């Protein structure tokens, strides 16, 4: 009997639960955005490094 009372007392608050879900979705959006930015940065960095190395190669060849 006491267990049942405890369970009914610990009912999930739907509004709070919904807020938590929204917050999690926002974190996911930010995470994906950050991840894409990081990938873009690495990609651009690799491209720049290759460009620099090519220029160095041409300079050293002369």
PDB file of N, CA and C in Angstrom:
ATOM      1  N   UNK A   1       0.841  -1.206   0.000  1.00  0.00           N
ATOM      2  CA  UNK A   1       0.000   0.000   0.000  1.00  0.00           C
ATOM      3  C   UNK A   1       0.877   1.258   0.000  1.00  0.00           C
ATOM      4  N   UNK A   2       1.886   1.253   0.839  1.00  0.00           N
ATOM      5  CA  UNK A   2       2.781   2.410   0.923  1.00  0.00           C
ATOM      6  C   UNK A   2       3.563   2.586  -0.385  1.00  0.00           C
ATOM      7  N   UNK A   3       3.969   1.473  -1.001  1.00  0.00           N
ATOM      8  CA  UNK A   3       4.701   1.532  -2.265  1.00  0.00           C
ATOM      9  C   UNK A   3       3.857   2.212  -3.344  1.00  0.00           C
ATOM     10  N   UNK A   4       2.569   1.822  -3.397  1.00  0.00           N
ATOM     11  CA  UNK A   4       1.654   2.405  -4.384  1.00  0.00           C
ATOM     12  C   UNK A   4       1.526   3.900  -4.159  1.00  0.00           C
ATOM     13  N   UNK A   5       1.421   4.302  -2.911  1.00  0.00           N
ATOM     14  CA  UNK A   5       1.304   5.725  -2.578  1.00  0.00           C
ATOM     15  C   UNK A   5       2.559   6.475  -3.026  1.00  0.00           C
ATOM     16  N   UNK A   6       3.711   5.858  -2.787  1.00  0.00           N
ATOM     17  CA  UNK A   6       4.998   6.453  -3.163  1.00  0.00           C
ATOM     18  C   UNK A   6       5.066   6.647  -4.690  1.00  0.00           C
ATOM     19  N   UNK A   7       4.610   5.644  -5.426  1.00  0.00           N
ATOM     20  CA  UNK A   7       4.643   5.699  -6.887  1.00  0.00           C
ATOM     21  C   UNK A   7       3.743   6.818  -7.403  1.00  0.00           C
ATOM     22  N   UNK A   8       2.511   6.890  -6.863  1.00  0.00           N
ATOM     23  CA  UNK A   8       1.567   7.899  -7.328  1.00  0.00           C
ATOM     24  C   UNK A   8       2.087   9.298  -6.987  1.00  0.00           C
ATOM     25  N   UNK A   9       2.801   9.400  -5.868  1.00  0.00           N
ATOM     26  CA  UNK A   9       3.351  10.699  -5.468  1.00  0.00           C
ATOM     27  C   UNK A   9       4.471  11.116  -6.433  1.00  0.00           C
ATOM     28  N   UNK A  10       5.260  10.135  -6.884  1.00  0.00           N
ATOM     29  CA  UNK A  10       6.390  10.433  -7.783  1.00  0.00           C
ATOM     30  C   UNK A  10       5.950  10.397  -9.237  1.00  0.00           C
ATOM     31  N   UNK A  11       4.869  11.090  -9.550  1.00  0.00           N
ATOM     32  CA  UNK A  11       4.361  11.105 -10.920  1.00  0.00           C
ATOM     33  C   UNK A  11       5.195  12.105 -11.730  1.00  0.00           C
ATOM     34  N   UNK A  12       5.434  11.795 -13.006  1.00  0.00           N
ATOM     35  CA  UNK A  12       6.239  12.679 -13.855  1.00  0.00           C
ATOM     36  C   UNK A  12       5.432  13.925 -14.200  1.00  0.00           C
ATOM     37  N   UNK A  13       6.042  15.065 -14.005  1.00  0.00           N
ATOM     38  CA  UNK A  13       5.400  16.342 -14.356  1.00  0.00           C
ATOM     39  C   UNK A  13       5.537  16.531 -15.869  1.00  0.00           C
ATOM     40  N   UNK A  14       4.425  16.514 -16.619  1.00  0.00           N
ATOM     41  CA  UNK A  14       4.534  16.565 -18.090  1.00  0.00           C
ATOM     42  C   UNK A  14       5.175  17.840 -18.631  1.00  0.00           C
ATOM     43  N   UNK A  15       4.879  18.987 -18.022  1.00  0.00           N
ATOM     44  CA  UNK A  15       5.446  20.243 -18.521  1.00  0.00           C
ATOM     45  C   UNK A  15       6.961  20.236 -18.367  1.00  0.00           C
ATOM     46  N   UNK A  16       7.431  19.763 -17.222  1.00  0.00           N
ATOM     47  CA  UNK A  16       8.871  19.707 -16.965  1.00  0.00           C
ATOM     48  C   UNK A  16       9.530  18.732 -17.942  1.00  0.00           C
ATOM     49  N   UNK A  17       8.858  17.626 -18.173  1.00  0.00           N
ATOM     50  CA  UNK A  17       9.371  16.600 -19.082  1.00  0.00           C
ATOM     51  C   UNK A  17       9.496  17.169 -20.492  1.00  0.00           C
ATOM     52  N   UNK A  18       8.472  17.924 -20.921  1.00  0.00           N
ATOM     53  CA  UNK A  18       8.485  18.530 -22.254  1.00  0.00           C
ATOM     54  C   UNK A  18       9.635  19.531 -22.353  1.00  0.00           C
ATOM     55  N   UNK A  19       9.834  20.337 -21.307  1.00  0.00           N
ATOM     56  CA  UNK A  19      10.934  21.303 -21.298  1.00  0.00           C
ATOM     57  C   UNK A  19      12.264  20.583 -21.462  1.00  0.00           C
ATOM     58  N   UNK A  20      12.416  19.464 -20.757  1.00  0.00           N
ATOM     59  CA  UNK A  20      13.642  18.682 -20.828  1.00  0.00           C
ATOM     60  C   UNK A  20      13.885  18.201 -22.257  1.00  0.00           C
ATOM     61  N   UNK A  21      12.829  17.730 -22.920  1.00  0.00           N
ATOM     62  CA  UNK A  21      12.945  17.244 -24.304  1.00  0.00           C
ATOM     63  C   UNK A  21      13.382  18.388 -25.217  1.00  0.00           C
ATOM     64  N   UNK A  22      12.741  19.557 -25.059  1.00  0.00           N
ATOM     65  CA  UNK A  22      13.090  20.716 -25.886  1.00  0.00           C
ATOM     66  C   UNK A  22      14.543  21.078 -25.667  1.00  0.00           C
ATOM     67  N   UNK A  23      14.961  21.073 -24.401  1.00  0.00           N
ATOM     68  CA  UNK A  23      16.351  21.414 -24.065  1.00  0.00           C
ATOM     69  C   UNK A  23      17.311  20.442 -24.729  1.00  0.00           C
ATOM     70  N   UNK A  24      16.987  19.145 -24.660  1.00  0.00           N
ATOM     71  CA  UNK A  24      17.829  18.119 -25.286  1.00  0.00           C
ATOM     72  C   UNK A  24      17.918  18.339 -26.790  1.00  0.00           C
ATOM     73  N   UNK A  25      16.796  18.690 -27.424  1.00  0.00           N
ATOM     74  CA  UNK A  25      16.797  18.944 -28.868  1.00  0.00           C
ATOM     75  C   UNK A  25      17.681  20.138 -29.201  1.00  0.00           C
ATOM     76  N   UNK A  26      17.621  21.176 -28.358  1.00  0.00           N
ATOM     77  CA  UNK A  26      18.467  22.347 -28.579  1.00  0.00           C
ATOM     78  C   UNK A  26      19.938  21.972 -28.470  1.00  0.00           C
ATOM     79  N   UNK A  27      20.274  21.156 -27.488  1.00  0.00           N
ATOM     80  CA  UNK A  27      21.661  20.710 -27.303  1.00  0.00           C
ATOM     81  C   UNK A  27      22.105  19.929 -28.543  1.00  0.00           C
ATOM     82  N   UNK A  28      21.218  19.063 -29.039  1.00  0.00           N
ATOM     83  CA  UNK A  28      21.544  18.281 -30.239  1.00  0.00           C
ATOM     84  C   UNK A  28      21.800  19.190 -31.430  1.00  0.00           C
ATOM     85  N   UNK A  29      20.953  20.216 -31.596  1.00  0.00           N
ATOM     86  CA  UNK A  29      21.130  21.152 -32.711  1.00  0.00           C
ATOM     87  C   UNK A  29      22.476  21.847 -32.598  1.00  0.00           C
ATOM     88  N   UNK A  30      22.790  22.326 -31.411  1.00  0.00           N
ATOM     89  CA  UNK A  30      24.061  23.020 -31.190  1.00  0.00           C
ATOM     90  C   UNK A  30      25.216  22.066 -31.439  1.00  0.00           C
ATOM     91  N   UNK A  31      25.078  20.828 -30.957  1.00  0.00           N
ATOM     92  CA  UNK A  31      26.123  19.828 -31.140  1.00  0.00           C
ATOM     93  C   UNK A  31      26.378  19.531 -32.609  1.00  0.00           C
ATOM     94  N   UNK A  32      25.299  19.359 -33.369  1.00  0.00           N
ATOM     95  CA  UNK A  32      25.428  19.081 -34.806  1.00  0.00           C
ATOM     96  C   UNK A  32      26.077  20.277 -35.505  1.00  0.00           C
ATOM     97  N   UNK A  33      25.625  21.485 -35.137  1.00  0.00           N
ATOM     98  CA  UNK A  33      26.160  22.712 -35.738  1.00  0.00           C
ATOM     99  C   UNK A  33      27.655  22.814 -35.461  1.00  0.00           C
ATOM    100  N   UNK A  34      28.023  22.566 -34.195  1.00  0.00           N
ATOM    101  CA  UNK A  34      29.433  22.633 -33.792  1.00  0.00           C
ATOM    102  C   UNK A  34      30.250  21.590 -34.536  1.00  0.00           C
ATOM    103  N   UNK A  35      29.681  20.380 -34.649  1.00  0.00           N
ATOM    104  CA  UNK A  35      30.363  19.274 -35.320  1.00  0.00           C
ATOM    105  C   UNK A  35      30.614  19.613 -36.795  1.00  0.00           C
ATOM    106  N   UNK A  36      29.581  20.161 -37.452  1.00  0.00           N
ATOM    107  CA  UNK A  36      29.716  20.539 -38.868  1.00  0.00           C
ATOM    108  C   UNK A  36      30.752  21.649 -39.028  1.00  0.00           C
ATOM    109  N   UNK A  37      30.721  22.621 -38.110  1.00  0.00           N
ATOM    110  CA  UNK A  37      31.696  23.711 -38.172  1.00  0.00           C
ATOM    111  C   UNK A  37      33.110  23.171 -38.008  1.00  0.00           C
ATOM    112  N   UNK A  38      33.264  22.243 -37.079  1.00  0.00           N
ATOM    113  CA  UNK A  38      34.573  21.641 -36.819  1.00  0.00           C
ATOM    114  C   UNK A  38      35.063  20.914 -38.065  1.00  0.00           C
ATOM    115  N   UNK A  39      34.144  20.144 -38.702  1.00  0.00           N
ATOM    116  CA  UNK A  39      34.496  19.418 -39.918  1.00  0.00           C
ATOM    117  C   UNK A  39      34.887  20.391 -41.024  1.00  0.00           C
ATOM    118  N   UNK A  40      34.095  21.472 -41.171  1.00  0.00           N
ATOM    119  CA  UNK A  40      34.376  22.476 -42.191  1.00  0.00           C
ATOM    120  C   UNK A  40      35.735  23.109 -41.950  1.00  0.00           C
ATOM    121  N   UNK A  41      36.017  23.410 -40.682  1.00  0.00           N
ATOM    122  CA  UNK A  41      37.291  24.029 -40.318  1.00  0.00           C
ATOM    123  C   UNK A  41      38.458  23.104 -40.652  1.00  0.00           C
ATOM    124  N   UNK A  42      38.298  21.822 -40.307  1.00  0.00           N
ATOM    125  CA  UNK A  42      39.363  20.844 -40.596  1.00  0.00           C
ATOM    126  C   UNK A  42      39.560  20.707 -42.106  1.00  0.00           C
ATOM    127  N   UNK A  43      38.433  20.648 -42.826  1.00  0.00           N
ATOM    128  CA  UNK A  43      38.472  20.501 -44.288  1.00  0.00           C
ATOM    129  C   UNK A  43      39.206  21.688 -44.909  1.00  0.00           C
ATOM    130  N   UNK A  44      38.814  22.927 -44.484  1.00  0.00           N
ATOM    131  CA  UNK A  44      39.452  24.136 -45.011  1.00  0.00           C
ATOM    132  C   UNK A  44      40.923  24.163 -44.611  1.00  0.00           C
ATOM    133  N   UNK A  45      41.208  23.764 -43.369  1.00  0.00           N
ATOM    134  CA  UNK A  45      42.593  23.732 -42.893  1.00  0.00           C
ATOM    135  C   UNK A  45      43.438  22.788 -43.736  1.00  0.00           C
ATOM    136  N   UNK A  46      42.877  21.605 -44.050  1.00  0.00           N
ATOM    137  CA  UNK A  46      43.608  20.630 -44.856  1.00  0.00           C
ATOM    138  C   UNK A  46      43.862  21.199 -46.252  1.00  0.00           C
ATOM    139  N   UNK A  47      42.843  21.862 -46.815  1.00  0.00           N
ATOM    140  CA  UNK A  47      42.977  22.465 -48.143  1.00  0.00           C
ATOM    141  C   UNK A  47      44.059  23.537 -48.146  1.00  0.00           C
ATOM    142  N   UNK A  48      44.065  24.381 -47.113  1.00  0.00           N
ATOM    143  CA  UNK A  48      45.062  25.446 -47.010  1.00  0.00           C
ATOM    144  C   UNK A  48      46.457  24.853 -46.865  1.00  0.00           C
ATOM    145  N   UNK A  49      46.569  23.806 -46.038  1.00  0.00           N
ATOM    146  CA  UNK A  49      47.870  23.168 -45.837  1.00  0.00           C
ATOM    147  C   UNK A  49      48.394  22.601 -47.153  1.00  0.00           C
ATOM    148  N   UNK A  50      47.506  21.962 -47.916  1.00  0.00           N
ATOM    149  CA  UNK A  50      47.916  21.398 -49.207  1.00  0.00           C
ATOM    150  C   UNK A  50      48.374  22.506 -50.152  1.00  0.00           C
ATOM    151  N   UNK A  51      47.632  23.621 -50.138  1.00  0.00           N
ATOM    152  CA  UNK A  51      47.972  24.762 -50.978  1.00  0.00           C
ATOM    153  C   UNK A  51      49.354  25.301 -50.597  1.00  0.00           C
ATOM    154  N   UNK A  52      49.563  25.459 -49.292  1.00  0.00           N
ATOM    155  CA  UNK A  52      50.857  25.963 -48.795  1.00  0.00           C
ATOM    156  C   UNK A  52      51.973  25.015 -49.205  1.00  0.00           C
ATOM    157  N   UNK A  53      51.745  23.701 -49.034  1.00  0.00           N
ATOM    158  CA  UNK A  53      52.779  22.722 -49.391  1.00  0.00           C
ATOM    159  C   UNK A  53      53.085  22.749 -50.881  1.00  0.00           C
ATOM    160  N   UNK A  54      52.034  22.917 -51.701  1.00  0.00           N
ATOM    161  CA  UNK A  54      52.239  23.000 -53.153  1.00  0.00           C
ATOM    162  C   UNK A  54      53.076  24.217 -53.499  1.00  0.00           C
ATOM    163  N   UNK A  55      52.761  25.345 -52.852  1.00  0.00           N
ATOM    164  CA  UNK A  55      53.534  26.577 -53.103  1.00  0.00           C
ATOM    165  C   UNK A  55      54.988  26.355 -52.692  1.00  0.00           C
ATOM    166  N   UNK A  56      55.192  25.742 -51.522  1.00  0.00           N
ATOM    167  CA  UNK A  56      56.553  25.465 -51.047  1.00  0.00           C
ATOM    168  C   UNK A  56      57.296  24.577 -52.030  1.00  0.00           C
ATOM    169  N   UNK A  57      56.602  23.544 -52.527  1.00  0.00           N
ATOM    170  CA  UNK A  57      57.213  22.634 -53.508  1.00  0.00           C
ATOM    171  C   UNK A  57      57.668  23.403 -54.743  1.00  0.00           C
ATOM    172  N   UNK A  58      56.812  24.292 -55.249  1.00  0.00           N
ATOM    173  CA  UNK A  58      57.143  25.064 -56.452  1.00  0.00           C
ATOM    174  C   UNK A  58      58.307  26.009 -56.173  1.00  0.00           C
ATOM    175  N   UNK A  59      58.310  26.600 -54.968  1.00  0.00           N
ATOM    176  CA  UNK A  59      59.398  27.524 -54.609  1.00  0.00           C
ATOM    177  C   UNK A  59      60.705  26.761 -54.493  1.00  0.00           C
ATOM    178  N   UNK A  60      60.657  25.582 -53.870  1.00  0.00           N
ATOM    179  CA  UNK A  60      61.874  24.786 -53.674  1.00  0.00           C
ATOM    180  C   UNK A  60      62.397  24.231 -54.998  1.00  0.00           C
ATOM    181  N   UNK A  61      61.491  23.938 -55.933  1.00  0.00           N
ATOM    182  CA  UNK A  61      61.915  23.413 -57.234  1.00  0.00           C
ATOM    183  C   UNK A  61      62.740  24.443 -58.000  1.00  0.00           C
ATOM    184  N   UNK A  62      62.406  25.745 -57.817  1.00  0.00           N
ATOM    185  CA  UNK A  62      63.113  26.804 -58.561  1.00  0.00           C
ATOM    186  C   UNK A  62      64.483  27.112 -57.985  1.00  0.00           C
TER     187      UNK A  62
END
